[in-house]
Amino acid sequence: MAQTYSFPIPADRTAAELLAHAKEAGRARGVVFHGDATAGRFQGPAEGTYTVVGQELTIVVEKKPAFVPWRLIENALKDLFARP
């Protein structure tokens, strides 16, 4: 079974606002988000899913380049959700 890695995204805005920003920021970095304000997938250098429960957004990375550390993937994805 493939290894996965999950982490929460700090919510200083609504899930819809977080995802709208991540979709826009992701385009410039080759990351595409598919889904809505409750759940979806992302594809790019890393691939996985996101879910929203209440105001908590959780990312699950299912696929990444073998040579890239999990923490680097986490930081890059969190950066997509950060305020400009």
C-alpha atoms as a PDB file:
ATOM      1  CA  MET A   1       0.000   0.000   0.000  1.00  0.00           C
ATOM      2  CA  ALA A   2       1.268   3.467  -0.881  1.00  0.00           C
ATOM      3  CA  GLN A   3       2.164   5.844   1.911  1.00  0.00           C
ATOM      4  CA  THR A   4       0.026   8.949   2.399  1.00  0.00           C
ATOM      5  CA  TYR A   5       0.611  12.098   4.410  1.00  0.00           C
ATOM      6  CA  SER A   6      -2.094  14.346   5.831  1.00  0.00           C
ATOM      7  CA  PHE A   7      -2.091  17.729   7.539  1.00  0.00           C
ATOM      8  CA  PRO A   8      -4.553  20.516   8.372  1.00  0.00           C
ATOM      9  CA  ILE A   9      -4.571  23.941   6.776  1.00  0.00           C
ATOM     10  CA  PRO A  10      -4.866  26.715   9.383  1.00  0.00           C
ATOM     11  CA  ALA A  11      -8.246  28.394   8.864  1.00  0.00           C
ATOM     12  CA  ASP A  12      -8.070  32.157   9.147  1.00  0.00           C
ATOM     13  CA  ARG A  13     -10.815  32.451   6.490  1.00  0.00           C
ATOM     14  CA  THR A  14     -13.739  30.331   5.325  1.00  0.00           C
ATOM     15  CA  ALA A  15     -13.019  27.106   3.461  1.00  0.00           C
ATOM     16  CA  ALA A  16     -14.454  28.620   0.276  1.00  0.00           C
ATOM     17  CA  GLU A  17     -12.070  31.600   0.555  1.00  0.00           C
ATOM     18  CA  LEU A  18      -9.094  29.331   1.262  1.00  0.00           C
ATOM     19  CA  LEU A  19      -9.871  27.147  -1.741  1.00  0.00           C
ATOM     20  CA  ALA A  20     -10.475  30.079  -4.081  1.00  0.00           C
ATOM     21  CA  HIS A  21      -7.066  31.477  -3.171  1.00  0.00           C
ATOM     22  CA  ALA A  22      -5.362  28.071  -3.498  1.00  0.00           C
ATOM     23  CA  LYS A  23      -6.912  27.491  -6.935  1.00  0.00           C
ATOM     24  CA  GLU A  24      -5.650  30.852  -8.156  1.00  0.00           C
ATOM     25  CA  ALA A  25      -2.181  30.503  -6.601  1.00  0.00           C
ATOM     26  CA  GLY A  26      -1.911  26.904  -7.796  1.00  0.00           C
ATOM     27  CA  ARG A  27      -2.361  27.792 -11.467  1.00  0.00           C
ATOM     28  CA  ALA A  28       0.981  29.608 -11.511  1.00  0.00           C
ATOM     29  CA  ARG A  29       2.690  26.603  -9.910  1.00  0.00           C
ATOM     30  CA  GLY A  30       1.148  23.818 -11.961  1.00  0.00           C
ATOM     31  CA  VAL A  31      -1.294  22.660  -9.286  1.00  0.00           C
ATOM     32  CA  VAL A  32      -4.937  22.208 -10.281  1.00  0.00           C
ATOM     33  CA  PHE A  33      -7.761  21.838  -7.749  1.00  0.00           C
ATOM     34  CA  HIS A  34     -11.009  20.062  -8.677  1.00  0.00           C
ATOM     35  CA  GLY A  35     -13.941  20.110  -6.288  1.00  0.00           C
ATOM     36  CA  ASP A  36     -15.972  22.417  -4.114  1.00  0.00           C
ATOM     37  CA  ALA A  37     -15.935  23.858  -0.594  1.00  0.00           C
ATOM     38  CA  THR A  38     -16.512  20.412   0.962  1.00  0.00           C
ATOM     39  CA  ALA A  39     -14.135  18.037  -0.843  1.00  0.00           C
ATOM     40  CA  GLY A  40     -12.020  17.556  -3.935  1.00  0.00           C
ATOM     41  CA  ARG A  41      -8.715  16.566  -5.475  1.00  0.00           C
ATOM     42  CA  PHE A  42      -5.545  18.346  -6.495  1.00  0.00           C
ATOM     43  CA  GLN A  43      -2.987  17.427  -9.137  1.00  0.00           C
ATOM     44  CA  GLY A  44       0.453  18.776  -9.867  1.00  0.00           C
ATOM     45  CA  PRO A  45       3.924  17.777  -8.718  1.00  0.00           C
ATOM     46  CA  ALA A  46       2.079  16.081  -5.837  1.00  0.00           C
ATOM     47  CA  GLU A  47      -1.449  14.635  -5.942  1.00  0.00           C
ATOM     48  CA  GLY A  48      -4.113  13.990  -3.369  1.00  0.00           C
ATOM     49  CA  THR A  49      -7.401  15.065  -1.850  1.00  0.00           C
ATOM     50  CA  TYR A  50      -8.816  17.693   0.451  1.00  0.00           C
ATOM     51  CA  THR A  51     -11.823  17.592   2.749  1.00  0.00           C
ATOM     52  CA  VAL A  52     -13.581  20.281   4.728  1.00  0.00           C
ATOM     53  CA  VAL A  53     -15.412  19.574   7.972  1.00  0.00           C
ATOM     54  CA  GLY A  54     -16.783  22.721   9.566  1.00  0.00           C
ATOM     55  CA  GLN A  55     -13.962  25.233   9.242  1.00  0.00           C
ATOM     56  CA  GLU A  56     -11.199  22.605   9.198  1.00  0.00           C
ATOM     57  CA  LEU A  57      -9.592  21.859   5.843  1.00  0.00           C
ATOM     58  CA  THR A  58      -7.414  18.738   5.674  1.00  0.00           C
ATOM     59  CA  ILE A  59      -5.023  17.818   2.868  1.00  0.00           C
ATOM     60  CA  VAL A  60      -4.090  14.190   2.140  1.00  0.00           C
ATOM     61  CA  VAL A  61      -1.108  13.750  -0.182  1.00  0.00           C
ATOM     62  CA  GLU A  62      -1.344  10.424  -1.994  1.00  0.00           C
ATOM     63  CA  LYS A  63       1.446  10.745  -4.557  1.00  0.00           C
ATOM     64  CA  LYS A  64       4.673  12.748  -4.692  1.00  0.00           C
ATOM     65  CA  PRO A  65       8.107  12.491  -6.290  1.00  0.00           C
ATOM     66  CA  ALA A  66      10.174   9.954  -4.329  1.00  0.00           C
ATOM     67  CA  PHE A  67      13.106  12.325  -3.829  1.00  0.00           C
ATOM     68  CA  VAL A  68      11.013  15.169  -2.358  1.00  0.00           C
ATOM     69  CA  PRO A  69      10.578  15.115   1.463  1.00  0.00           C
ATOM     70  CA  TRP A  70       7.029  15.115   2.855  1.00  0.00           C
ATOM     71  CA  ARG A  71       7.703  18.366   4.773  1.00  0.00           C
ATOM     72  CA  LEU A  72       8.640  20.175   1.561  1.00  0.00           C
ATOM     73  CA  ILE A  73       5.379  19.059  -0.060  1.00  0.00           C
ATOM     74  CA  GLU A  74       3.429  20.147   3.044  1.00  0.00           C
ATOM     75  CA  ASN A  75       5.062  23.583   3.102  1.00  0.00           C
ATOM     76  CA  ALA A  76       4.517  24.126  -0.633  1.00  0.00           C
ATOM     77  CA  LEU A  77       0.828  23.232  -0.377  1.00  0.00           C
ATOM     78  CA  LYS A  78       0.301  25.339   2.745  1.00  0.00           C
ATOM     79  CA  ASP A  79       1.869  28.226   0.851  1.00  0.00           C
ATOM     80  CA  LEU A  80      -0.906  27.990  -1.769  1.00  0.00           C
ATOM     81  CA  PHE A  81      -3.472  28.667   0.955  1.00  0.00           C
ATOM     82  CA  ALA A  82      -1.534  31.494   2.641  1.00  0.00           C
ATOM     83  CA  ARG A  83      -2.653  35.083   2.387  1.00  0.00           C
ATOM     84  CA  PRO A  84      -0.993  37.027  -0.428  1.00  0.00           C
END
